[in-house]
Amino acid sequence: RLWIMAGWVLPVVATAVVLGVFAYAAARRDL
């Protein structure tokens, strides 16, 4: 639905979230 409405907006935001989570995990030395 969002692809029809806004195109690449959701994929870009979702990828930023996933990359942010990955970077957060890499930075957490106590994990």
ModelCIF file with pLDDT and N, C-alpha, C, O atoms, coordinates in Angstrom:
data_MODEL
#
_entry.id   MODEL 
#
_entity.id                         1 
_entity.type                       polymer 
_entity.pdbx_number_of_molecules   1 
#
_entity_poly.entity_id                      1 
_entity_poly.type                           'polypeptide(L)' 
_entity_poly.nstd_linkage                   no 
_entity_poly.nstd_monomer                   no 
_entity_poly.pdbx_seq_one_letter_code       RLWIMAGWVLPVVATAVVLGVFAYAAARRDL 
_entity_poly.pdbx_seq_one_letter_code_can   RLWIMAGWVLPVVATAVVLGVFAYAAARRDL 
_entity_poly.pdbx_strand_id                 A 
#
loop_
_entity_poly_seq.entity_id 
_entity_poly_seq.num 
_entity_poly_seq.mon_id 
_entity_poly_seq.hetero 
1 1  ARG n 
1 2  LEU n 
1 3  TRP n 
1 4  ILE n 
1 5  MET n 
1 6  ALA n 
1 7  GLY n 
1 8  TRP n 
1 9  VAL n 
1 10 LEU n 
1 11 PRO n 
1 12 VAL n 
1 13 VAL n 
1 14 ALA n 
1 15 THR n 
1 16 ALA n 
1 17 VAL n 
1 18 VAL n 
1 19 LEU n 
1 20 GLY n 
1 21 VAL n 
1 22 PHE n 
1 23 ALA n 
1 24 TYR n 
1 25 ALA n 
1 26 ALA n 
1 27 ALA n 
1 28 ARG n 
1 29 ARG n 
1 30 ASP n 
1 31 LEU n 
#
_struct_asym.id          A 
_struct_asym.entity_id   1 
#
loop_
_ma_qa_metric.id 
_ma_qa_metric.mode 
_ma_qa_metric.name 
_ma_qa_metric.software_group_id 
_ma_qa_metric.type 
1 global pLDDT . pLDDT 
2 local  pLDDT . pLDDT 
#
_ma_qa_metric_global.metric_id      1 
_ma_qa_metric_global.metric_value   92.19 
_ma_qa_metric_global.model_id       1 
_ma_qa_metric_global.ordinal_id     1 
#
loop_
_ma_qa_metric_local.label_asym_id 
_ma_qa_metric_local.label_comp_id 
_ma_qa_metric_local.label_seq_id 
_ma_qa_metric_local.metric_id 
_ma_qa_metric_local.metric_value 
_ma_qa_metric_local.model_id 
_ma_qa_metric_local.ordinal_id 
A ARG 1  2 91.00 1 1  
A LEU 2  2 93.00 1 2  
A TRP 3  2 94.00 1 3  
A ILE 4  2 94.00 1 4  
A MET 5  2 93.00 1 5  
A ALA 6  2 92.00 1 6  
A GLY 7  2 93.00 1 7  
A TRP 8  2 93.00 1 8  
A VAL 9  2 94.00 1 9  
A LEU 10 2 93.00 1 10 
A PRO 11 2 94.00 1 11 
A VAL 12 2 95.00 1 12 
A VAL 13 2 95.00 1 13 
A ALA 14 2 94.00 1 14 
A THR 15 2 95.00 1 15 
A ALA 16 2 96.00 1 16 
A VAL 17 2 94.00 1 17 
A VAL 18 2 94.00 1 18 
A LEU 19 2 94.00 1 19 
A GLY 20 2 93.00 1 20 
A VAL 21 2 91.00 1 21 
A PHE 22 2 93.00 1 22 
A ALA 23 2 93.00 1 23 
A TYR 24 2 90.00 1 24 
A ALA 25 2 91.00 1 25 
A ALA 26 2 91.00 1 26 
A ALA 27 2 90.00 1 27 
A ARG 28 2 88.00 1 28 
A ARG 29 2 85.00 1 29 
A ASP 30 2 85.00 1 30 
A LEU 31 2 87.00 1 31 
#
loop_
_atom_site.group_PDB 
_atom_site.id 
_atom_site.type_symbol 
_atom_site.label_atom_id 
_atom_site.label_alt_id 
_atom_site.label_comp_id 
_atom_site.label_asym_id 
_atom_site.label_entity_id 
_atom_site.label_seq_id 
_atom_site.pdbx_PDB_ins_code 
_atom_site.Cartn_x 
_atom_site.Cartn_y 
_atom_site.Cartn_z 
_atom_site.occupancy 
_atom_site.B_iso_or_equiv 
_atom_site.pdbx_formal_charge 
_atom_site.auth_seq_id 
_atom_site.auth_comp_id 
_atom_site.auth_asym_id 
_atom_site.auth_atom_id 
_atom_site.pdbx_PDB_model_num 
ATOM 1   N N  . ARG A 1 1  ? 0.835  -1.216 0.000  1.00 91.00 ? 1  ARG A N  1 
ATOM 2   C CA . ARG A 1 1  ? 0.000  0.000  0.000  1.00 91.00 ? 1  ARG A CA 1 
ATOM 3   C C  . ARG A 1 1  ? 0.865  1.259  0.000  1.00 91.00 ? 1  ARG A C  1 
ATOM 4   O O  . ARG A 1 1  ? 0.609  2.202  -0.748 1.00 91.00 ? 1  ARG A O  1 
ATOM 5   N N  . LEU A 1 2  ? 1.889  1.258  0.848  1.00 93.00 ? 2  LEU A N  1 
ATOM 6   C CA . LEU A 1 2  ? 2.739  2.444  0.933  1.00 93.00 ? 2  LEU A CA 1 
ATOM 7   C C  . LEU A 1 2  ? 3.595  2.615  -0.320 1.00 93.00 ? 2  LEU A C  1 
ATOM 8   O O  . LEU A 1 2  ? 3.964  3.735  -0.676 1.00 93.00 ? 2  LEU A O  1 
ATOM 9   N N  . TRP A 1 3  ? 3.912  1.498  -0.990 1.00 94.00 ? 3  TRP A N  1 
ATOM 10  C CA . TRP A 1 3  ? 4.664  1.592  -2.236 1.00 94.00 ? 3  TRP A CA 1 
ATOM 11  C C  . TRP A 1 3  ? 3.846  2.331  -3.302 1.00 94.00 ? 3  TRP A C  1 
ATOM 12  O O  . TRP A 1 3  ? 4.387  3.132  -4.064 1.00 94.00 ? 3  TRP A O  1 
ATOM 13  N N  . ILE A 1 4  ? 2.555  2.056  -3.347 1.00 94.00 ? 4  ILE A N  1 
ATOM 14  C CA . ILE A 1 4  ? 1.684  2.740  -4.305 1.00 94.00 ? 4  ILE A CA 1 
ATOM 15  C C  . ILE A 1 4  ? 1.584  4.227  -3.965 1.00 94.00 ? 4  ILE A C  1 
ATOM 16  O O  . ILE A 1 4  ? 1.547  5.075  -4.857 1.00 94.00 ? 4  ILE A O  1 
ATOM 17  N N  . MET A 1 5  ? 1.539  4.533  -2.669 1.00 93.00 ? 5  MET A N  1 
ATOM 18  C CA . MET A 1 5  ? 1.355  5.919  -2.239 1.00 93.00 ? 5  MET A CA 1 
ATOM 19  C C  . MET A 1 5  ? 2.637  6.736  -2.317 1.00 93.00 ? 5  MET A C  1 
ATOM 20  O O  . MET A 1 5  ? 2.619  7.877  -2.776 1.00 93.00 ? 5  MET A O  1 
ATOM 21  N N  . ALA A 1 6  ? 3.767  6.148  -1.864 1.00 92.00 ? 6  ALA A N  1 
ATOM 22  C CA . ALA A 1 6  ? 4.973  6.964  -1.680 1.00 92.00 ? 6  ALA A CA 1 
ATOM 23  C C  . ALA A 1 6  ? 6.228  6.384  -2.310 1.00 92.00 ? 6  ALA A C  1 
ATOM 24  O O  . ALA A 1 6  ? 7.308  6.948  -2.133 1.00 92.00 ? 6  ALA A O  1 
ATOM 25  N N  . GLY A 1 7  ? 6.130  5.301  -3.026 1.00 93.00 ? 7  GLY A N  1 
ATOM 26  C CA . GLY A 1 7  ? 7.300  4.756  -3.701 1.00 93.00 ? 7  GLY A CA 1 
ATOM 27  C C  . GLY A 1 7  ? 8.389  4.302  -2.742 1.00 93.00 ? 7  GLY A C  1 
ATOM 28  O O  . GLY A 1 7  ? 8.149  3.504  -1.835 1.00 93.00 ? 7  GLY A O  1 
ATOM 29  N N  . TRP A 1 8  ? 9.592  4.826  -2.958 1.00 93.00 ? 8  TRP A N  1 
ATOM 30  C CA . TRP A 1 8  ? 10.766 4.352  -2.224 1.00 93.00 ? 8  TRP A CA 1 
ATOM 31  C C  . TRP A 1 8  ? 10.902 4.925  -0.818 1.00 93.00 ? 8  TRP A C  1 
ATOM 32  O O  . TRP A 1 8  ? 11.890 4.638  -0.141 1.00 93.00 ? 8  TRP A O  1 
ATOM 33  N N  . VAL A 1 9  ? 9.954  5.715  -0.364 1.00 94.00 ? 9  VAL A N  1 
ATOM 34  C CA . VAL A 1 9  ? 10.085 6.328  0.964  1.00 94.00 ? 9  VAL A CA 1 
ATOM 35  C C  . VAL A 1 9  ? 10.182 5.269  2.055  1.00 94.00 ? 9  VAL A C  1 
ATOM 36  O O  . VAL A 1 9  ? 11.097 5.310  2.877  1.00 94.00 ? 9  VAL A O  1 
ATOM 37  N N  . LEU A 1 10 ? 9.235  4.309  2.071  1.00 93.00 ? 10 LEU A N  1 
ATOM 38  C CA . LEU A 1 10 ? 9.260  3.278  3.102  1.00 93.00 ? 10 LEU A CA 1 
ATOM 39  C C  . LEU A 1 10 ? 10.507 2.406  3.019  1.00 93.00 ? 10 LEU A C  1 
ATOM 40  O O  . LEU A 1 10 ? 11.142 2.193  4.052  1.00 93.00 ? 10 LEU A O  1 
ATOM 41  N N  . PRO A 1 11 ? 10.899 1.886  1.851  1.00 94.00 ? 11 PRO A N  1 
ATOM 42  C CA . PRO A 1 11 ? 12.119 1.080  1.803  1.00 94.00 ? 11 PRO A CA 1 
ATOM 43  C C  . PRO A 1 11 ? 13.356 1.813  2.303  1.00 94.00 ? 11 PRO A C  1 
ATOM 44  O O  . PRO A 1 11 ? 14.200 1.220  2.974  1.00 94.00 ? 11 PRO A O  1 
ATOM 45  N N  . VAL A 1 12 ? 13.471 3.100  1.980  1.00 95.00 ? 12 VAL A N  1 
ATOM 46  C CA . VAL A 1 12 ? 14.637 3.867  2.432  1.00 95.00 ? 12 VAL A CA 1 
ATOM 47  C C  . VAL A 1 12 ? 14.609 4.025  3.951  1.00 95.00 ? 12 VAL A C  1 
ATOM 48  O O  . VAL A 1 12 ? 15.633 3.848  4.612  1.00 95.00 ? 12 VAL A O  1 
ATOM 49  N N  . VAL A 1 13 ? 13.444 4.357  4.505  1.00 95.00 ? 13 VAL A N  1 
ATOM 50  C CA . VAL A 1 13 ? 13.327 4.518  5.957  1.00 95.00 ? 13 VAL A CA 1 
ATOM 51  C C  . VAL A 1 13 ? 13.572 3.185  6.666  1.00 95.00 ? 13 VAL A C  1 
ATOM 52  O O  . VAL A 1 13 ? 14.282 3.133  7.670  1.00 95.00 ? 13 VAL A O  1 
ATOM 53  N N  . ALA A 1 14 ? 12.986 2.115  6.142  1.00 94.00 ? 14 ALA A N  1 
ATOM 54  C CA . ALA A 1 14 ? 13.155 0.805  6.759  1.00 94.00 ? 14 ALA A CA 1 
ATOM 55  C C  . ALA A 1 14 ? 14.609 0.361  6.722  1.00 94.00 ? 14 ALA A C  1 
ATOM 56  O O  . ALA A 1 14 ? 15.111 -0.207 7.692  1.00 94.00 ? 14 ALA A O  1 
ATOM 57  N N  . THR A 1 15 ? 15.287 0.614  5.612  1.00 95.00 ? 15 THR A N  1 
ATOM 58  C CA . THR A 1 15 ? 16.701 0.252  5.511  1.00 95.00 ? 15 THR A CA 1 
ATOM 59  C C  . THR A 1 15 ? 17.543 1.055  6.487  1.00 95.00 ? 15 THR A C  1 
ATOM 60  O O  . THR A 1 15 ? 18.486 0.530  7.079  1.00 95.00 ? 15 THR A O  1 
ATOM 61  N N  . ALA A 1 16 ? 17.201 2.335  6.656  1.00 96.00 ? 16 ALA A N  1 
ATOM 62  C CA . ALA A 1 16 ? 17.915 3.161  7.636  1.00 96.00 ? 16 ALA A CA 1 
ATOM 63  C C  . ALA A 1 16 ? 17.729 2.610  9.039  1.00 96.00 ? 16 ALA A C  1 
ATOM 64  O O  . ALA A 1 16 ? 18.667 2.612  9.836  1.00 96.00 ? 16 ALA A O  1 
ATOM 65  N N  . VAL A 1 17 ? 16.523 2.137  9.349  1.00 94.00 ? 17 VAL A N  1 
ATOM 66  C CA . VAL A 1 17 ? 16.264 1.547  10.666 1.00 94.00 ? 17 VAL A CA 1 
ATOM 67  C C  . VAL A 1 17 ? 17.076 0.273  10.859 1.00 94.00 ? 17 VAL A C  1 
ATOM 68  O O  . VAL A 1 17 ? 17.697 0.082  11.904 1.00 94.00 ? 17 VAL A O  1 
ATOM 69  N N  . VAL A 1 18 ? 17.073 -0.598 9.853  1.00 94.00 ? 18 VAL A N  1 
ATOM 70  C CA . VAL A 1 18 ? 17.812 -1.860 9.953  1.00 94.00 ? 18 VAL A CA 1 
ATOM 71  C C  . VAL A 1 18 ? 19.314 -1.602 10.081 1.00 94.00 ? 18 VAL A C  1 
ATOM 72  O O  . VAL A 1 18 ? 19.986 -2.240 10.892 1.00 94.00 ? 18 VAL A O  1 
ATOM 73  N N  . LEU A 1 19 ? 19.840 -0.670 9.284  1.00 94.00 ? 19 LEU A N  1 
ATOM 74  C CA . LEU A 1 19 ? 21.255 -0.327 9.380  1.00 94.00 ? 19 LEU A CA 1 
ATOM 75  C C  . LEU A 1 19 ? 21.581 0.306  10.724 1.00 94.00 ? 19 LEU A C  1 
ATOM 76  O O  . LEU A 1 19 ? 22.646 0.064  11.291 1.00 94.00 ? 19 LEU A O  1 
ATOM 77  N N  . GLY A 1 20 ? 20.650 1.125  11.233 1.00 93.00 ? 20 GLY A N  1 
ATOM 78  C CA . GLY A 1 20 ? 20.849 1.716  12.554 1.00 93.00 ? 20 GLY A CA 1 
ATOM 79  C C  . GLY A 1 20 ? 20.901 0.668  13.645 1.00 93.00 ? 20 GLY A C  1 
ATOM 80  O O  . GLY A 1 20 ? 21.720 0.758  14.559 1.00 93.00 ? 20 GLY A O  1 
ATOM 81  N N  . VAL A 1 21 ? 20.034 -0.323 13.557 1.00 91.00 ? 21 VAL A N  1 
ATOM 82  C CA . VAL A 1 21 ? 20.040 -1.424 14.528 1.00 91.00 ? 21 VAL A CA 1 
ATOM 83  C C  . VAL A 1 21 ? 21.343 -2.203 14.437 1.00 91.00 ? 21 VAL A C  1 
ATOM 84  O O  . VAL A 1 21 ? 21.920 -2.577 15.458 1.00 91.00 ? 21 VAL A O  1 
ATOM 85  N N  . PHE A 1 22 ? 21.806 -2.448 13.216 1.00 93.00 ? 22 PHE A N  1 
ATOM 86  C CA . PHE A 1 22 ? 23.063 -3.169 13.023 1.00 93.00 ? 22 PHE A CA 1 
ATOM 87  C C  . PHE A 1 22 ? 24.230 -2.382 13.623 1.00 93.00 ? 22 PHE A C  1 
ATOM 88  O O  . PHE A 1 22 ? 25.086 -2.954 14.299 1.00 93.00 ? 22 PHE A O  1 
ATOM 89  N N  . ALA A 1 23 ? 24.263 -1.080 13.375 1.00 93.00 ? 23 ALA A N  1 
ATOM 90  C CA . ALA A 1 23 ? 25.333 -0.235 13.921 1.00 93.00 ? 23 ALA A CA 1 
ATOM 91  C C  . ALA A 1 23 ? 25.261 -0.177 15.443 1.00 93.00 ? 23 ALA A C  1 
ATOM 92  O O  . ALA A 1 23 ? 26.287 -0.188 16.123 1.00 93.00 ? 23 ALA A O  1 
ATOM 93  N N  . TYR A 1 24 ? 24.041 -0.116 15.970 1.00 90.00 ? 24 TYR A N  1 
ATOM 94  C CA . TYR A 1 24 ? 23.863 -0.106 17.422 1.00 90.00 ? 24 TYR A CA 1 
ATOM 95  C C  . TYR A 1 24 ? 24.405 -1.394 18.046 1.00 90.00 ? 24 TYR A C  1 
ATOM 96  O O  . TYR A 1 24 ? 25.068 -1.357 19.083 1.00 90.00 ? 24 TYR A O  1 
ATOM 97  N N  . ALA A 1 25 ? 24.118 -2.534 17.405 1.00 91.00 ? 25 ALA A N  1 
ATOM 98  C CA . ALA A 1 25 ? 24.622 -3.808 17.916 1.00 91.00 ? 25 ALA A CA 1 
ATOM 99  C C  . ALA A 1 25 ? 26.141 -3.861 17.849 1.00 91.00 ? 25 ALA A C  1 
ATOM 100 O O  . ALA A 1 25 ? 26.789 -4.383 18.756 1.00 91.00 ? 25 ALA A O  1 
ATOM 101 N N  . ALA A 1 26 ? 26.709 -3.322 16.774 1.00 91.00 ? 26 ALA A N  1 
ATOM 102 C CA . ALA A 1 26 ? 28.170 -3.324 16.641 1.00 91.00 ? 26 ALA A CA 1 
ATOM 103 C C  . ALA A 1 26 ? 28.836 -2.434 17.679 1.00 91.00 ? 26 ALA A C  1 
ATOM 104 O O  . ALA A 1 26 ? 29.961 -2.707 18.100 1.00 91.00 ? 26 ALA A O  1 
ATOM 105 N N  . ALA A 1 27 ? 28.151 -1.368 18.097 1.00 90.00 ? 27 ALA A N  1 
ATOM 106 C CA . ALA A 1 27 ? 28.736 -0.435 19.058 1.00 90.00 ? 27 ALA A CA 1 
ATOM 107 C C  . ALA A 1 27 ? 28.569 -0.870 20.506 1.00 90.00 ? 27 ALA A C  1 
ATOM 108 O O  . ALA A 1 27 ? 29.278 -0.370 21.380 1.00 90.00 ? 27 ALA A O  1 
ATOM 109 N N  . ARG A 1 28 ? 27.650 -1.788 20.780 1.00 88.00 ? 28 ARG A N  1 
ATOM 110 C CA . ARG A 1 28 ? 27.399 -2.232 22.162 1.00 88.00 ? 28 ARG A CA 1 
ATOM 111 C C  . ARG A 1 28 ? 28.388 -3.320 22.577 1.00 88.00 ? 28 ARG A C  1 
ATOM 112 O O  . ARG A 1 28 ? 28.204 -4.493 22.253 1.00 88.00 ? 28 ARG A O  1 
ATOM 113 N N  . ARG A 1 29 ? 29.432 -2.923 23.291 1.00 85.00 ? 29 ARG A N  1 
ATOM 114 C CA . ARG A 1 29 ? 30.450 -3.877 23.706 1.00 85.00 ? 29 ARG A CA 1 
ATOM 115 C C  . ARG A 1 29 ? 29.971 -4.774 24.846 1.00 85.00 ? 29 ARG A C  1 
ATOM 116 O O  . ARG A 1 29 ? 30.554 -5.828 25.099 1.00 85.00 ? 29 ARG A O  1 
ATOM 117 N N  . ASP A 1 30 ? 28.902 -4.350 25.535 1.00 85.00 ? 30 ASP A N  1 
ATOM 118 C CA . ASP A 1 30 ? 28.385 -5.170 26.634 1.00 85.00 ? 30 ASP A CA 1 
ATOM 119 C C  . ASP A 1 30 ? 27.400 -6.233 26.144 1.00 85.00 ? 30 ASP A C  1 
ATOM 120 O O  . ASP A 1 30 ? 26.908 -7.032 26.941 1.00 85.00 ? 30 ASP A O  1 
ATOM 121 N N  . LEU A 1 31 ? 27.111 -6.249 24.851 1.00 87.00 ? 31 LEU A N  1 
ATOM 122 C CA . LEU A 1 31 ? 26.121 -7.162 24.302 1.00 87.00 ? 31 LEU A CA 1 
ATOM 123 C C  . LEU A 1 31 ? 26.751 -8.540 24.089 1.00 87.00 ? 31 LEU A C  1 
ATOM 124 O O  . LEU A 1 31 ? 26.078 -9.462 23.629 1.00 87.00 ? 31 LEU A O  1 
#
